[in-house]
Amino acid sequence: MARYRKRPVEIEAVQLRWTQWNEVCEFLGDALTAENSDGAWEIPAAEASDTCGEEGPNYIALNVRTTHGEIAIVRHGDWIVPEAEPGRFYPVKPDIFAATYEAVTG
């Protein structure tokens, strides 16, 4: 049987956490307000994907729209990855992100 390796692809991504809120806003741009007309909301630690070492008791969640037009919830600690279509994103759980991506140096 033949073997295959996934080709490395560089992406931009940002992790949803309080200390990176400004970066999240910049990264999502108009898509943030388009999908969160009432703004992002706070969630308890039990609903966060990862507290990222940030002290609670509340963490953050928001909506993004995917390529398929569905709304996906991004929870504190999830990574936000852009799709090919502008204004479309998808959440990646921290453990999956760590297993799939590595930081690009240089």
N, C-alpha and C. Protein backbone atom coordinates (compact mmCIF):
# COMPACT_ATOMS: atom_id res chain seq x y z
N MET A 1 0.85 -1.17 0.00
CA MET A 1 0.00 0.00 0.00
C MET A 1 0.90 1.23 0.00
N ALA A 2 0.52 2.25 -0.77
CA ALA A 2 1.28 3.50 -0.84
C ALA A 2 1.05 4.31 0.42
N ARG A 3 2.04 5.14 0.77
CA ARG A 3 1.94 6.01 1.95
C ARG A 3 1.95 7.46 1.49
N TYR A 4 1.27 8.33 2.21
CA TYR A 4 1.16 9.74 1.86
C TYR A 4 1.41 10.60 3.08
N ARG A 5 1.92 11.78 2.85
CA ARG A 5 2.17 12.74 3.91
C ARG A 5 1.44 14.04 3.56
N LYS A 6 0.79 14.61 4.52
CA LYS A 6 0.13 15.89 4.30
C LYS A 6 1.18 16.97 4.10
N ARG A 7 1.04 17.72 3.04
CA ARG A 7 2.00 18.79 2.76
C ARG A 7 1.86 19.89 3.79
N PRO A 8 2.97 20.44 4.20
CA PRO A 8 2.88 21.55 5.17
C PRO A 8 2.29 22.80 4.52
N VAL A 9 1.39 23.40 5.22
CA VAL A 9 0.74 24.62 4.76
C VAL A 9 0.84 25.64 5.87
N GLU A 10 1.29 26.83 5.54
CA GLU A 10 1.35 27.90 6.54
C GLU A 10 -0.01 28.58 6.62
N ILE A 11 -0.44 28.84 7.84
CA ILE A 11 -1.71 29.54 8.06
C ILE A 11 -1.47 30.65 9.08
N GLU A 12 -2.40 31.57 9.13
CA GLU A 12 -2.46 32.53 10.22
C GLU A 12 -3.56 32.05 11.15
N ALA A 13 -3.37 32.23 12.43
CA ALA A 13 -4.38 31.82 13.40
C ALA A 13 -4.19 32.64 14.67
N VAL A 14 -5.25 32.72 15.46
CA VAL A 14 -5.18 33.41 16.74
C VAL A 14 -5.97 32.60 17.75
N GLN A 15 -5.47 32.55 18.98
CA GLN A 15 -6.16 31.82 20.03
C GLN A 15 -7.09 32.76 20.77
N LEU A 16 -8.34 32.33 20.97
CA LEU A 16 -9.32 33.15 21.69
C LEU A 16 -9.01 33.10 23.18
N ARG A 17 -8.60 34.25 23.71
CA ARG A 17 -8.32 34.40 25.14
C ARG A 17 -8.35 35.88 25.46
N TRP A 18 -8.60 36.20 26.72
CA TRP A 18 -8.72 37.60 27.11
C TRP A 18 -7.47 38.39 26.76
N THR A 19 -6.29 37.83 27.00
CA THR A 19 -5.05 38.58 26.80
C THR A 19 -4.77 38.84 25.32
N GLN A 20 -5.51 38.22 24.42
CA GLN A 20 -5.31 38.44 22.98
C GLN A 20 -6.56 39.02 22.33
N TRP A 21 -7.44 39.60 23.13
CA TRP A 21 -8.70 40.09 22.60
C TRP A 21 -8.50 41.10 21.47
N ASN A 22 -7.58 42.04 21.60
CA ASN A 22 -7.36 43.03 20.54
C ASN A 22 -6.90 42.35 19.25
N GLU A 23 -6.05 41.35 19.37
CA GLU A 23 -5.58 40.61 18.20
C GLU A 23 -6.73 39.83 17.56
N VAL A 24 -7.60 39.25 18.39
CA VAL A 24 -8.77 38.53 17.88
C VAL A 24 -9.66 39.49 17.08
N CYS A 25 -9.92 40.66 17.64
CA CYS A 25 -10.76 41.67 16.96
C CYS A 25 -10.15 42.06 15.62
N GLU A 26 -8.86 42.29 15.60
CA GLU A 26 -8.18 42.67 14.36
C GLU A 26 -8.23 41.52 13.34
N PHE A 27 -8.00 40.32 13.80
CA PHE A 27 -7.98 39.13 12.94
C PHE A 27 -9.34 38.88 12.29
N LEU A 28 -10.41 38.98 13.07
CA LEU A 28 -11.75 38.72 12.55
C LEU A 28 -12.32 39.90 11.78
N GLY A 29 -11.90 41.10 12.12
CA GLY A 29 -12.38 42.29 11.42
C GLY A 29 -13.89 42.41 11.48
N ASP A 30 -14.50 42.76 10.35
CA ASP A 30 -15.95 42.95 10.27
C ASP A 30 -16.73 41.68 10.55
N ALA A 31 -16.10 40.52 10.36
CA ALA A 31 -16.78 39.24 10.61
C ALA A 31 -17.15 39.11 12.08
N LEU A 32 -16.41 39.75 12.96
CA LEU A 32 -16.71 39.66 14.40
C LEU A 32 -18.07 40.28 14.68
N THR A 33 -18.29 41.50 14.22
CA THR A 33 -19.56 42.17 14.49
C THR A 33 -20.70 41.58 13.66
N ALA A 34 -20.39 41.07 12.45
CA ALA A 34 -21.42 40.48 11.60
C ALA A 34 -22.05 39.26 12.25
N GLU A 35 -21.24 38.47 12.93
CA GLU A 35 -21.75 37.22 13.52
C GLU A 35 -22.04 37.34 15.01
N ASN A 36 -21.73 38.48 15.61
CA ASN A 36 -21.93 38.67 17.05
C ASN A 36 -22.54 40.04 17.29
N SER A 37 -23.76 40.23 16.79
CA SER A 37 -24.39 41.55 16.90
C SER A 37 -24.56 42.00 18.35
N ASP A 38 -24.69 41.05 19.27
CA ASP A 38 -24.78 41.39 20.69
C ASP A 38 -23.43 41.31 21.38
N GLY A 39 -22.38 41.10 20.62
CA GLY A 39 -21.03 41.00 21.18
C GLY A 39 -20.70 39.58 21.61
N ALA A 40 -19.47 39.38 21.97
CA ALA A 40 -19.03 38.09 22.50
C ALA A 40 -19.66 37.95 23.89
N TRP A 41 -19.64 36.74 24.42
CA TRP A 41 -20.24 36.54 25.73
C TRP A 41 -19.30 35.78 26.65
N GLU A 42 -19.56 35.91 27.94
CA GLU A 42 -18.74 35.23 28.94
C GLU A 42 -19.29 33.84 29.20
N ILE A 43 -18.37 32.89 29.45
CA ILE A 43 -18.74 31.51 29.78
C ILE A 43 -17.97 31.09 31.03
N PRO A 44 -18.47 30.12 31.77
CA PRO A 44 -17.73 29.63 32.94
C PRO A 44 -16.56 28.75 32.50
N ALA A 45 -15.63 28.52 33.39
CA ALA A 45 -14.44 27.72 33.10
C ALA A 45 -14.81 26.34 32.57
N ALA A 46 -15.88 25.75 33.05
CA ALA A 46 -16.29 24.41 32.62
C ALA A 46 -16.64 24.35 31.13
N GLU A 47 -16.99 25.49 30.53
CA GLU A 47 -17.35 25.53 29.11
C GLU A 47 -16.18 25.96 28.23
N ALA A 48 -15.09 26.42 28.83
CA ALA A 48 -13.92 26.85 28.07
C ALA A 48 -13.17 25.62 27.55
N SER A 49 -12.58 25.73 26.36
CA SER A 49 -11.75 24.64 25.85
C SER A 49 -10.45 24.54 26.62
N ASP A 50 -9.93 25.69 27.02
CA ASP A 50 -8.69 25.77 27.79
C ASP A 50 -8.69 27.14 28.45
N THR A 51 -8.34 27.20 29.73
CA THR A 51 -8.29 28.50 30.40
C THR A 51 -7.02 29.26 30.04
N CYS A 52 -6.06 28.60 29.42
CA CYS A 52 -4.81 29.23 28.97
C CYS A 52 -4.04 29.86 30.12
N GLY A 53 -4.27 29.38 31.33
CA GLY A 53 -3.59 29.93 32.49
C GLY A 53 -4.14 31.26 32.95
N GLU A 54 -5.19 31.73 32.31
CA GLU A 54 -5.81 33.00 32.71
C GLU A 54 -6.79 32.73 33.85
N GLU A 55 -6.80 33.63 34.80
CA GLU A 55 -7.68 33.46 35.96
C GLU A 55 -9.10 33.85 35.61
N GLY A 56 -10.06 33.03 36.01
CA GLY A 56 -11.48 33.25 35.77
C GLY A 56 -12.07 34.19 36.79
N PRO A 57 -13.31 34.06 37.10
CA PRO A 57 -14.10 32.86 36.88
C PRO A 57 -14.73 32.79 35.51
N ASN A 58 -14.74 33.87 34.74
CA ASN A 58 -15.40 33.84 33.44
C ASN A 58 -14.40 33.93 32.30
N TYR A 59 -14.78 33.27 31.22
CA TYR A 59 -13.97 33.24 30.01
C TYR A 59 -14.84 33.72 28.86
N ILE A 60 -14.39 33.58 27.63
CA ILE A 60 -15.07 34.23 26.52
C ILE A 60 -15.45 33.23 25.43
N ALA A 61 -16.52 33.54 24.72
CA ALA A 61 -16.96 32.75 23.56
C ALA A 61 -17.52 33.72 22.53
N LEU A 62 -17.47 33.31 21.26
CA LEU A 62 -18.04 34.11 20.18
C LEU A 62 -18.39 33.21 19.01
N ASN A 63 -19.12 33.76 18.06
CA ASN A 63 -19.53 33.02 16.87
C ASN A 63 -18.66 33.39 15.68
N VAL A 64 -18.42 32.41 14.80
CA VAL A 64 -17.83 32.66 13.50
C VAL A 64 -18.68 31.93 12.47
N ARG A 65 -18.64 32.41 11.24
CA ARG A 65 -19.37 31.75 10.15
C ARG A 65 -18.37 30.93 9.34
N THR A 66 -18.76 29.69 9.02
CA THR A 66 -17.88 28.80 8.26
C THR A 66 -18.16 28.92 6.77
N THR A 67 -17.34 28.28 5.97
CA THR A 67 -17.52 28.29 4.52
C THR A 67 -18.88 27.75 4.13
N HIS A 68 -19.40 26.81 4.88
CA HIS A 68 -20.70 26.21 4.56
C HIS A 68 -21.86 27.06 5.03
N GLY A 69 -21.57 28.25 5.56
CA GLY A 69 -22.61 29.17 6.00
C GLY A 69 -23.14 28.90 7.39
N GLU A 70 -22.57 27.92 8.06
CA GLU A 70 -23.01 27.58 9.41
C GLU A 70 -22.33 28.50 10.43
N ILE A 71 -22.97 28.65 11.57
CA ILE A 71 -22.38 29.39 12.68
C ILE A 71 -21.69 28.38 13.59
N ALA A 72 -20.45 28.65 13.94
CA ALA A 72 -19.69 27.80 14.86
C ALA A 72 -19.33 28.64 16.08
N ILE A 73 -19.39 28.02 17.24
CA ILE A 73 -19.02 28.70 18.48
C ILE A 73 -17.54 28.47 18.74
N VAL A 74 -16.83 29.56 18.99
CA VAL A 74 -15.42 29.50 19.38
C VAL A 74 -15.39 29.77 20.88
N ARG A 75 -14.81 28.85 21.62
CA ARG A 75 -14.74 28.98 23.08
C ARG A 75 -13.33 29.37 23.51
N HIS A 76 -13.25 30.00 24.66
CA HIS A 76 -11.95 30.42 25.21
C HIS A 76 -10.95 29.27 25.08
N GLY A 77 -9.80 29.54 24.50
CA GLY A 77 -8.76 28.53 24.31
C GLY A 77 -8.74 27.94 22.92
N ASP A 78 -9.86 28.01 22.18
CA ASP A 78 -9.88 27.52 20.80
C ASP A 78 -9.04 28.43 19.92
N TRP A 79 -8.51 27.85 18.87
CA TRP A 79 -7.81 28.62 17.85
C TRP A 79 -8.79 28.98 16.75
N ILE A 80 -8.65 30.17 16.19
CA ILE A 80 -9.50 30.62 15.08
C ILE A 80 -8.64 30.60 13.82
N VAL A 81 -9.10 29.84 12.82
CA VAL A 81 -8.34 29.66 11.58
C VAL A 81 -9.21 30.16 10.43
N PRO A 82 -8.63 30.97 9.54
CA PRO A 82 -9.43 31.46 8.41
C PRO A 82 -9.61 30.39 7.35
N GLU A 83 -10.75 30.43 6.69
CA GLU A 83 -11.00 29.56 5.55
C GLU A 83 -10.64 30.33 4.29
N ALA A 84 -10.70 29.67 3.16
CA ALA A 84 -10.32 30.30 1.90
C ALA A 84 -11.24 31.46 1.54
N GLU A 85 -12.50 31.35 1.89
CA GLU A 85 -13.47 32.40 1.60
C GLU A 85 -13.35 33.53 2.62
N PRO A 86 -13.18 34.77 2.16
CA PRO A 86 -13.04 35.89 3.10
C PRO A 86 -14.21 35.98 4.08
N GLY A 87 -13.90 36.28 5.33
CA GLY A 87 -14.93 36.43 6.35
C GLY A 87 -15.43 35.11 6.91
N ARG A 88 -14.80 34.00 6.52
CA ARG A 88 -15.19 32.68 7.01
C ARG A 88 -14.05 32.08 7.82
N PHE A 89 -14.39 31.47 8.93
CA PHE A 89 -13.39 30.94 9.86
C PHE A 89 -13.88 29.62 10.43
N TYR A 90 -13.00 28.90 11.09
CA TYR A 90 -13.43 27.72 11.83
C TYR A 90 -12.61 27.60 13.10
N PRO A 91 -13.24 27.08 14.17
CA PRO A 91 -12.53 26.89 15.43
C PRO A 91 -11.79 25.56 15.43
N VAL A 92 -10.64 25.54 16.09
CA VAL A 92 -9.87 24.31 16.27
C VAL A 92 -9.56 24.18 17.76
N LYS A 93 -9.92 23.04 18.34
CA LYS A 93 -9.64 22.80 19.76
C LYS A 93 -8.13 22.82 19.99
N PRO A 94 -7.69 23.28 21.17
CA PRO A 94 -6.26 23.44 21.43
C PRO A 94 -5.44 22.16 21.24
N ASP A 95 -5.96 21.01 21.65
CA ASP A 95 -5.19 19.78 21.50
C ASP A 95 -5.05 19.37 20.03
N ILE A 96 -6.08 19.59 19.24
CA ILE A 96 -6.01 19.29 17.80
C ILE A 96 -5.05 20.26 17.11
N PHE A 97 -5.11 21.53 17.49
CA PHE A 97 -4.21 22.53 16.91
C PHE A 97 -2.76 22.16 17.20
N ALA A 98 -2.47 21.79 18.45
CA ALA A 98 -1.10 21.43 18.84
C ALA A 98 -0.61 20.19 18.08
N ALA A 99 -1.51 19.25 17.80
CA ALA A 99 -1.12 18.03 17.09
C ALA A 99 -0.99 18.25 15.58
N THR A 100 -1.63 19.31 15.06
CA THR A 100 -1.68 19.52 13.62
C THR A 100 -0.73 20.60 13.13
N TYR A 101 -0.50 21.62 13.94
CA TYR A 101 0.29 22.77 13.50
C TYR A 101 1.51 22.96 14.39
N GLU A 102 2.54 23.54 13.81
CA GLU A 102 3.71 23.94 14.58
C GLU A 102 4.04 25.37 14.21
N ALA A 103 4.64 26.10 15.13
CA ALA A 103 4.98 27.51 14.87
C ALA A 103 6.02 27.61 13.76
N VAL A 104 5.86 28.62 12.92
CA VAL A 104 6.81 28.89 11.84
C VAL A 104 7.83 29.87 12.38
N THR A 105 9.08 29.54 12.26
CA THR A 105 10.14 30.44 12.71
C THR A 105 10.80 31.09 11.51
N GLY A 106 11.29 32.28 11.75
CA GLY A 106 12.05 32.96 10.71
C GLY A 106 11.31 33.87 9.86
